[in-house]
Amino acid sequence: MISGRGRKQRLIGYKKGVVKIVSIDSLKVDALFRIKLGNDETLAVATFSKNGMNFAVGTSDGNVFIGTIKLDSKLQVKLSKLD
């Protein structure tokens, strides 16, 4: 996906809800954050919008999180769980 700064980035999820934002161009981790998950719940799928700020994450328990990412001098992640 293209970020606001013109770089291609991907979301990569790990166990216990850790999500890394990886720049494909430079092969470096731009940021990481954690999504609080339930017991035995794992990340299943994630996607960026074309603007590179909005994203959605689905879990093995069927939960869906939507959020925004702002990478300025520090990482700002706003996250909401859909009920």
PDB file of N, CA and C in Angstrom:
ATOM      1  N   MET A   1       0.842  -1.182   0.000  1.00  0.00           N
ATOM      2  CA  MET A   1       0.000   0.000   0.000  1.00  0.00           C
ATOM      3  C   MET A   1       0.888   1.246   0.000  1.00  0.00           C
ATOM      4  N   ILE A   2       0.398   2.308  -0.518  1.00  0.00           N
ATOM      5  CA  ILE A   2       1.156   3.546  -0.592  1.00  0.00           C
ATOM      6  C   ILE A   2       0.836   4.399   0.621  1.00  0.00           C
ATOM      7  N   SER A   3       1.871   4.809   1.335  1.00  0.00           N
ATOM      8  CA  SER A   3       1.655   5.682   2.486  1.00  0.00           C
ATOM      9  C   SER A   3       1.556   7.119   2.006  1.00  0.00           C
ATOM     10  N   GLY A   4       1.204   8.024   2.919  1.00  0.00           N
ATOM     11  CA  GLY A   4       1.133   9.437   2.602  1.00  0.00           C
ATOM     12  C   GLY A   4       2.467  10.004   2.165  1.00  0.00           C
ATOM     13  N   ARG A   5       3.548   9.348   2.534  1.00  0.00           N
ATOM     14  CA  ARG A   5       4.884   9.803   2.153  1.00  0.00           C
ATOM     15  C   ARG A   5       5.381   9.117   0.883  1.00  0.00           C
ATOM     16  N   GLY A   6       4.512   8.347   0.215  1.00  0.00           N
ATOM     17  CA  GLY A   6       4.884   7.725  -1.041  1.00  0.00           C
ATOM     18  C   GLY A   6       5.656   6.426  -0.917  1.00  0.00           C
ATOM     19  N   ARG A   7       5.745   5.853   0.273  1.00  0.00           N
ATOM     20  CA  ARG A   7       6.464   4.592   0.434  1.00  0.00           C
ATOM     21  C   ARG A   7       5.475   3.442   0.474  1.00  0.00           C
ATOM     22  N   LYS A   8       5.899   2.296  -0.002  1.00  0.00           N
ATOM     23  CA  LYS A   8       5.074   1.102   0.078  1.00  0.00           C
ATOM     24  C   LYS A   8       5.270   0.484   1.453  1.00  0.00           C
ATOM     25  N   GLN A   9       4.157   0.241   2.151  1.00  0.00           N
ATOM     26  CA  GLN A   9       4.224  -0.339   3.486  1.00  0.00           C
ATOM     27  C   GLN A   9       3.268  -1.506   3.594  1.00  0.00           C
ATOM     28  N   ARG A  10       3.568  -2.404   4.506  1.00  0.00           N
ATOM     29  CA  ARG A  10       2.717  -3.553   4.786  1.00  0.00           C
ATOM     30  C   ARG A  10       2.560  -3.706   6.287  1.00  0.00           C
ATOM     31  N   LEU A  11       1.424  -4.271   6.681  1.00  0.00           N
ATOM     32  CA  LEU A  11       1.197  -4.648   8.071  1.00  0.00           C
ATOM     33  C   LEU A  11       1.566  -6.118   8.217  1.00  0.00           C
ATOM     34  N   ILE A  12       2.358  -6.445   9.227  1.00  0.00           N
ATOM     35  CA  ILE A  12       2.722  -7.826   9.506  1.00  0.00           C
ATOM     36  C   ILE A  12       2.344  -8.107  10.946  1.00  0.00           C
ATOM     37  N   GLY A  13       1.500  -9.120  11.158  1.00  0.00           N
ATOM     38  CA  GLY A  13       1.026  -9.463  12.488  1.00  0.00           C
ATOM     39  C   GLY A  13       1.788 -10.630  13.082  1.00  0.00           C
ATOM     40  N   TYR A  14       1.953 -10.582  14.388  1.00  0.00           N
ATOM     41  CA  TYR A  14       2.655 -11.624  15.130  1.00  0.00           C
ATOM     42  C   TYR A  14       1.780 -12.115  16.270  1.00  0.00           C
ATOM     43  N   LYS A  15       2.247 -13.149  16.953  1.00  0.00           N
ATOM     44  CA  LYS A  15       1.515 -13.670  18.102  1.00  0.00           C
ATOM     45  C   LYS A  15       1.325 -12.601  19.155  1.00  0.00           C
ATOM     46  N   LYS A  16       0.296 -12.761  19.937  1.00  0.00           N
ATOM     47  CA  LYS A  16      -0.046 -11.866  21.038  1.00  0.00           C
ATOM     48  C   LYS A  16      -0.428 -10.470  20.561  1.00  0.00           C
ATOM     49  N   GLY A  17      -0.802 -10.325  19.279  1.00  0.00           N
ATOM     50  CA  GLY A  17      -1.341  -9.065  18.786  1.00  0.00           C
ATOM     51  C   GLY A  17      -0.345  -8.008  18.388  1.00  0.00           C
ATOM     52  N   VAL A  18       0.927  -8.342  18.290  1.00  0.00           N
ATOM     53  CA  VAL A  18       1.925  -7.359  17.860  1.00  0.00           C
ATOM     54  C   VAL A  18       1.804  -7.169  16.348  1.00  0.00           C
ATOM     55  N   VAL A  19       1.736  -5.897  15.920  1.00  0.00           N
ATOM     56  CA  VAL A  19       1.640  -5.564  14.498  1.00  0.00           C
ATOM     57  C   VAL A  19       2.806  -4.652  14.146  1.00  0.00           C
ATOM     58  N   LYS A  20       3.550  -5.008  13.094  1.00  0.00           N
ATOM     59  CA  LYS A  20       4.655  -4.182  12.620  1.00  0.00           C
ATOM     60  C   LYS A  20       4.255  -3.539  11.296  1.00  0.00           C
ATOM     61  N   ILE A  21       4.656  -2.278  11.122  1.00  0.00           N
ATOM     62  CA  ILE A  21       4.491  -1.571   9.857  1.00  0.00           C
ATOM     63  C   ILE A  21       5.853  -1.603   9.188  1.00  0.00           C
ATOM     64  N   VAL A  22       5.941  -2.321   8.067  1.00  0.00           N
ATOM     65  CA  VAL A  22       7.215  -2.539   7.407  1.00  0.00           C
ATOM     66  C   VAL A  22       7.234  -1.800   6.072  1.00  0.00           C
ATOM     67  N   SER A  23       8.307  -1.063   5.826  1.00  0.00           N
ATOM     68  CA  SER A  23       8.520  -0.382   4.556  1.00  0.00           C
ATOM     69  C   SER A  23       9.144  -1.368   3.580  1.00  0.00           C
ATOM     70  N   ILE A  24       8.462  -1.616   2.464  1.00  0.00           N
ATOM     71  CA  ILE A  24       8.973  -2.545   1.468  1.00  0.00           C
ATOM     72  C   ILE A  24      10.188  -1.951   0.761  1.00  0.00           C
ATOM     73  N   ASP A  25      10.191  -0.647   0.536  1.00  0.00           N
ATOM     74  CA  ASP A  25      11.304   0.009  -0.162  1.00  0.00           C
ATOM     75  C   ASP A  25      12.626  -0.113   0.597  1.00  0.00           C
ATOM     76  N   SER A  26      12.598   0.127   1.905  1.00  0.00           N
ATOM     77  CA  SER A  26      13.838   0.120   2.686  1.00  0.00           C
ATOM     78  C   SER A  26      14.026  -1.159   3.502  1.00  0.00           C
ATOM     79  N   LEU A  27      13.037  -2.040   3.493  1.00  0.00           N
ATOM     80  CA  LEU A  27      13.074  -3.285   4.270  1.00  0.00           C
ATOM     81  C   LEU A  27      13.342  -3.032   5.748  1.00  0.00           C
ATOM     82  N   LYS A  28      12.693  -2.003   6.299  1.00  0.00           N
ATOM     83  CA  LYS A  28      12.861  -1.711   7.720  1.00  0.00           C
ATOM     84  C   LYS A  28      11.492  -1.580   8.383  1.00  0.00           C
ATOM     85  N   VAL A  29      11.477  -1.808   9.681  1.00  0.00           N
ATOM     86  CA  VAL A  29      10.256  -1.650  10.465  1.00  0.00           C
ATOM     87  C   VAL A  29      10.104  -0.168  10.791  1.00  0.00           C
ATOM     88  N   ASP A  30       9.030   0.451  10.283  1.00  0.00           N
ATOM     89  CA  ASP A  30       8.778   1.864  10.556  1.00  0.00           C
ATOM     90  C   ASP A  30       8.176   2.067  11.938  1.00  0.00           C
ATOM     91  N   ALA A  31       7.361   1.115  12.387  1.00  0.00           N
ATOM     92  CA  ALA A  31       6.704   1.236  13.693  1.00  0.00           C
ATOM     93  C   ALA A  31       6.130  -0.112  14.085  1.00  0.00           C
ATOM     94  N   LEU A  32       5.794  -0.243  15.355  1.00  0.00           N
ATOM     95  CA  LEU A  32       5.062  -1.416  15.808  1.00  0.00           C
ATOM     96  C   LEU A  32       4.136  -1.024  16.939  1.00  0.00           C
ATOM     97  N   PHE A  33       3.041  -1.773  17.048  1.00  0.00           N
ATOM     98  CA  PHE A  33       2.076  -1.552  18.115  1.00  0.00           C
ATOM     99  C   PHE A  33       1.411  -2.880  18.434  1.00  0.00           C
ATOM    100  N   ARG A  34       0.645  -2.910  19.516  1.00  0.00           N
ATOM    101  CA  ARG A  34       0.003  -4.140  19.971  1.00  0.00           C
ATOM    102  C   ARG A  34      -1.504  -3.954  20.041  1.00  0.00           C
ATOM    103  N   ILE A  35      -2.222  -4.966  19.581  1.00  0.00           N
ATOM    104  CA  ILE A  35      -3.678  -5.014  19.698  1.00  0.00           C
ATOM    105  C   ILE A  35      -3.994  -6.015  20.800  1.00  0.00           C
ATOM    106  N   LYS A  36      -4.773  -5.594  21.780  1.00  0.00           N
ATOM    107  CA  LYS A  36      -5.110  -6.481  22.891  1.00  0.00           C
ATOM    108  C   LYS A  36      -6.089  -7.549  22.402  1.00  0.00           C
ATOM    109  N   LEU A  37      -5.690  -8.814  22.542  1.00  0.00           N
ATOM    110  CA  LEU A  37      -6.484  -9.942  22.092  1.00  0.00           C
ATOM    111  C   LEU A  37      -6.913 -10.802  23.277  1.00  0.00           C
ATOM    112  N   GLY A  38      -7.948 -11.600  23.062  1.00  0.00           N
ATOM    113  CA  GLY A  38      -8.408 -12.536  24.079  1.00  0.00           C
ATOM    114  C   GLY A  38      -7.508 -13.769  24.129  1.00  0.00           C
ATOM    115  N   ASN A  39      -7.770 -14.629  25.097  1.00  0.00           N
ATOM    116  CA  ASN A  39      -6.995 -15.872  25.234  1.00  0.00           C
ATOM    117  C   ASN A  39      -7.158 -16.718  23.982  1.00  0.00           C
ATOM    118  N   ASP A  40      -6.052 -17.232  23.473  1.00  0.00           N
ATOM    119  CA  ASP A  40      -5.992 -18.081  22.274  1.00  0.00           C
ATOM    120  C   ASP A  40      -6.488 -17.392  21.005  1.00  0.00           C
ATOM    121  N   GLU A  41      -6.735 -16.086  21.033  1.00  0.00           N
ATOM    122  CA  GLU A  41      -7.137 -15.342  19.840  1.00  0.00           C
ATOM    123  C   GLU A  41      -5.872 -14.924  19.087  1.00  0.00           C
ATOM    124  N   THR A  42      -5.896 -15.019  17.771  1.00  0.00           N
ATOM    125  CA  THR A  42      -4.743 -14.633  16.957  1.00  0.00           C
ATOM    126  C   THR A  42      -5.183 -13.681  15.850  1.00  0.00           C
ATOM    127  N   LEU A  43      -4.227 -12.949  15.309  1.00  0.00           N
ATOM    128  CA  LEU A  43      -4.502 -12.079  14.172  1.00  0.00           C
ATOM    129  C   LEU A  43      -4.667 -12.952  12.934  1.00  0.00           C
ATOM    130  N   ALA A  44      -5.674 -12.657  12.113  1.00  0.00           N
ATOM    131  CA  ALA A  44      -5.931 -13.470  10.935  1.00  0.00           C
ATOM    132  C   ALA A  44      -5.649 -12.721   9.635  1.00  0.00           C
ATOM    133  N   VAL A  45      -6.049 -11.451   9.566  1.00  0.00           N
ATOM    134  CA  VAL A  45      -5.895 -10.688   8.329  1.00  0.00           C
ATOM    135  C   VAL A  45      -5.810  -9.206   8.659  1.00  0.00           C
ATOM    136  N   ALA A  46      -5.063  -8.456   7.841  1.00  0.00           N
ATOM    137  CA  ALA A  46      -4.963  -7.007   8.021  1.00  0.00           C
ATOM    138  C   ALA A  46      -4.768  -6.357   6.662  1.00  0.00           C
ATOM    139  N   THR A  47      -5.254  -5.124   6.533  1.00  0.00           N
ATOM    140  CA  THR A  47      -5.080  -4.403   5.276  1.00  0.00           C
ATOM    141  C   THR A  47      -5.019  -2.900   5.526  1.00  0.00           C
ATOM    142  N   PHE A  48      -4.249  -2.210   4.702  1.00  0.00           N
ATOM    143  CA  PHE A  48      -4.189  -0.752   4.689  1.00  0.00           C
ATOM    144  C   PHE A  48      -5.187  -0.227   3.661  1.00  0.00           C
ATOM    145  N   SER A  49      -5.649   0.995   3.851  1.00  0.00           N
ATOM    146  CA  SER A  49      -6.378   1.673   2.781  1.00  0.00           C
ATOM    147  C   SER A  49      -5.346   2.287   1.837  1.00  0.00           C
ATOM    148  N   LYS A  50      -5.795   2.809   0.728  1.00  0.00           N
ATOM    149  CA  LYS A  50      -4.861   3.393  -0.241  1.00  0.00           C
ATOM    150  C   LYS A  50      -4.159   4.631   0.290  1.00  0.00           C
ATOM    151  N   ASN A  51      -4.737   5.300   1.303  1.00  0.00           N
ATOM    152  CA  ASN A  51      -4.079   6.494   1.843  1.00  0.00           C
ATOM    153  C   ASN A  51      -2.938   6.151   2.793  1.00  0.00           C
ATOM    154  N   GLY A  52      -2.773   4.869   3.145  1.00  0.00           N
ATOM    155  CA  GLY A  52      -1.670   4.445   3.996  1.00  0.00           C
ATOM    156  C   GLY A  52      -1.815   4.821   5.454  1.00  0.00           C
ATOM    157  N   MET A  53      -2.975   5.311   5.861  1.00  0.00           N
ATOM    158  CA  MET A  53      -3.197   5.698   7.254  1.00  0.00           C
ATOM    159  C   MET A  53      -4.268   4.827   7.914  1.00  0.00           C
ATOM    160  N   ASN A  54      -5.303   4.501   7.195  1.00  0.00           N
ATOM    161  CA  ASN A  54      -6.408   3.719   7.738  1.00  0.00           C
ATOM    162  C   ASN A  54      -6.141   2.235   7.502  1.00  0.00           C
ATOM    163  N   PHE A  55      -6.564   1.412   8.463  1.00  0.00           N
ATOM    164  CA  PHE A  55      -6.352  -0.022   8.330  1.00  0.00           C
ATOM    165  C   PHE A  55      -7.465  -0.783   9.027  1.00  0.00           C
ATOM    166  N   ALA A  56      -7.550  -2.071   8.730  1.00  0.00           N
ATOM    167  CA  ALA A  56      -8.499  -2.966   9.385  1.00  0.00           C
ATOM    168  C   ALA A  56      -7.776  -4.273   9.702  1.00  0.00           C
ATOM    169  N   VAL A  57      -8.149  -4.884  10.831  1.00  0.00           N
ATOM    170  CA  VAL A  57      -7.548  -6.137  11.279  1.00  0.00           C
ATOM    171  C   VAL A  57      -8.664  -7.081  11.691  1.00  0.00           C
ATOM    172  N   GLY A  58      -8.586  -8.329  11.241  1.00  0.00           N
ATOM    173  CA  GLY A  58      -9.522  -9.363  11.655  1.00  0.00           C
ATOM    174  C   GLY A  58      -8.804 -10.406  12.489  1.00  0.00           C
ATOM    175  N   THR A  59      -9.535 -11.039  13.426  1.00  0.00           N
ATOM    176  CA  THR A  59      -8.922 -12.036  14.304  1.00  0.00           C
ATOM    177  C   THR A  59      -9.573 -13.399  14.127  1.00  0.00           C
ATOM    178  N   SER A  60      -8.953 -14.406  14.709  1.00  0.00           N
ATOM    179  CA  SER A  60      -9.454 -15.779  14.625  1.00  0.00           C
ATOM    180  C   SER A  60     -10.798 -15.948  15.330  1.00  0.00           C
ATOM    181  N   ASP A  61     -11.143 -15.070  16.259  1.00  0.00           N
ATOM    182  CA  ASP A  61     -12.429 -15.143  16.957  1.00  0.00           C
ATOM    183  C   ASP A  61     -13.526 -14.354  16.239  1.00  0.00           C
ATOM    184  N   GLY A  62     -13.219 -13.802  15.077  1.00  0.00           N
ATOM    185  CA  GLY A  62     -14.199 -13.050  14.313  1.00  0.00           C
ATOM    186  C   GLY A  62     -14.303 -11.579  14.678  1.00  0.00           C
ATOM    187  N   ASN A  63     -13.416 -11.101  15.527  1.00  0.00           N
ATOM    188  CA  ASN A  63     -13.421  -9.685  15.876  1.00  0.00           C
ATOM    189  C   ASN A  63     -12.780  -8.871  14.753  1.00  0.00           C
ATOM    190  N   VAL A  64     -13.283  -7.651  14.569  1.00  0.00           N
ATOM    191  CA  VAL A  64     -12.736  -6.747  13.562  1.00  0.00           C
ATOM    192  C   VAL A  64     -12.368  -5.437  14.248  1.00  0.00           C
ATOM    193  N   PHE A  65     -11.145  -4.976  13.996  1.00  0.00           N
ATOM    194  CA  PHE A  65     -10.654  -3.705  14.512  1.00  0.00           C
ATOM    195  C   PHE A  65     -10.405  -2.788  13.322  1.00  0.00           C
ATOM    196  N   ILE A  66     -10.786  -1.527  13.454  1.00  0.00           N
ATOM    197  CA  ILE A  66     -10.426  -0.531  12.452  1.00  0.00           C
ATOM    198  C   ILE A  66      -9.638   0.564  13.147  1.00  0.00           C
ATOM    199  N   GLY A  67      -8.735   1.187  12.405  1.00  0.00           N
ATOM    200  CA  GLY A  67      -7.912   2.202  13.047  1.00  0.00           C
ATOM    201  C   GLY A  67      -7.225   3.114  12.061  1.00  0.00           C
ATOM    202  N   THR A  68      -6.517   4.074  12.625  1.00  0.00           N
ATOM    203  CA  THR A  68      -5.697   4.989  11.844  1.00  0.00           C
ATOM    204  C   THR A  68      -4.295   5.032  12.437  1.00  0.00           C
ATOM    205  N   ILE A  69      -3.326   5.258  11.580  1.00  0.00           N
ATOM    206  CA  ILE A  69      -1.930   5.347  11.979  1.00  0.00           C
ATOM    207  C   ILE A  69      -1.391   6.687  11.522  1.00  0.00           C
ATOM    208  N   LYS A  70      -0.721   7.375  12.412  1.00  0.00           N
ATOM    209  CA  LYS A  70      -0.052   8.623  12.063  1.00  0.00           C
ATOM    210  C   LYS A  70       1.393   8.500  12.501  1.00  0.00           C
ATOM    211  N   LEU A  71       2.310   8.586  11.539  1.00  0.00           N
ATOM    212  CA  LEU A  71       3.741   8.486  11.829  1.00  0.00           C
ATOM    213  C   LEU A  71       4.378   9.857  11.658  1.00  0.00           C
ATOM    214  N   ASP A  72       4.461  10.594  12.748  1.00  0.00           N
ATOM    215  CA  ASP A  72       5.161  11.871  12.749  1.00  0.00           C
ATOM    216  C   ASP A  72       6.447  11.666  13.541  1.00  0.00           C
ATOM    217  N   SER A  73       6.702  12.509  14.509  1.00  0.00           N
ATOM    218  CA  SER A  73       7.865  12.310  15.363  1.00  0.00           C
ATOM    219  C   SER A  73       7.677  11.103  16.276  1.00  0.00           C
ATOM    220  N   LYS A  74       6.414  10.718  16.509  1.00  0.00           N
ATOM    221  CA  LYS A  74       6.117   9.496  17.255  1.00  0.00           C
ATOM    222  C   LYS A  74       4.914   8.807  16.630  1.00  0.00           C
ATOM    223  N   LEU A  75       4.748   7.544  16.931  1.00  0.00           N
ATOM    224  CA  LEU A  75       3.642   6.763  16.395  1.00  0.00           C
ATOM    225  C   LEU A  75       2.363   7.071  17.155  1.00  0.00           C
ATOM    226  N   GLN A  76       1.295   7.343  16.418  1.00  0.00           N
ATOM    227  CA  GLN A  76      -0.030   7.533  17.014  1.00  0.00           C
ATOM    228  C   GLN A  76      -0.984   6.549  16.342  1.00  0.00           C
ATOM    229  N   VAL A  77      -1.537   5.633  17.132  1.00  0.00           N
ATOM    230  CA  VAL A  77      -2.474   4.641  16.611  1.00  0.00           C
ATOM    231  C   VAL A  77      -3.788   4.815  17.351  1.00  0.00           C
ATOM    232  N   LYS A  78      -4.854   5.015  16.602  1.00  0.00           N
ATOM    233  CA  LYS A  78      -6.205   5.050  17.176  1.00  0.00           C
ATOM    234  C   LYS A  78      -6.924   3.812  16.656  1.00  0.00           C
ATOM    235  N   LEU A  79      -7.493   3.048  17.587  1.00  0.00           N
ATOM    236  CA  LEU A  79      -8.039   1.739  17.252  1.00  0.00           C
ATOM    237  C   LEU A  79      -9.428   1.587  17.865  1.00  0.00           C
ATOM    238  N   SER A  80     -10.352   1.028  17.090  1.00  0.00           N
ATOM    239  CA  SER A  80     -11.700   0.749  17.574  1.00  0.00           C
ATOM    240  C   SER A  80     -12.080  -0.681  17.208  1.00  0.00           C
ATOM    241  N   LYS A  81     -12.776  -1.333  18.122  1.00  0.00           N
ATOM    242  CA  LYS A  81     -13.260  -2.689  17.876  1.00  0.00           C
ATOM    243  C   LYS A  81     -14.712  -2.591  17.450  1.00  0.00           C
ATOM    244  N   LEU A  82     -15.057  -3.252  16.339  1.00  0.00           N
ATOM    245  CA  LEU A  82     -16.447  -3.260  15.882  1.00  0.00           C
ATOM    246  C   LEU A  82     -17.221  -4.306  16.654  1.00  0.00           C
ATOM    247  N   ASP A  83     -18.393  -3.941  17.113  1.00  0.00           N
ATOM    248  CA  ASP A  83     -19.247  -4.907  17.829  1.00  0.00           C
ATOM    249  C   ASP A  83     -20.317  -5.439  16.908  1.00  0.00           C
TER     250      ASP A  83
END
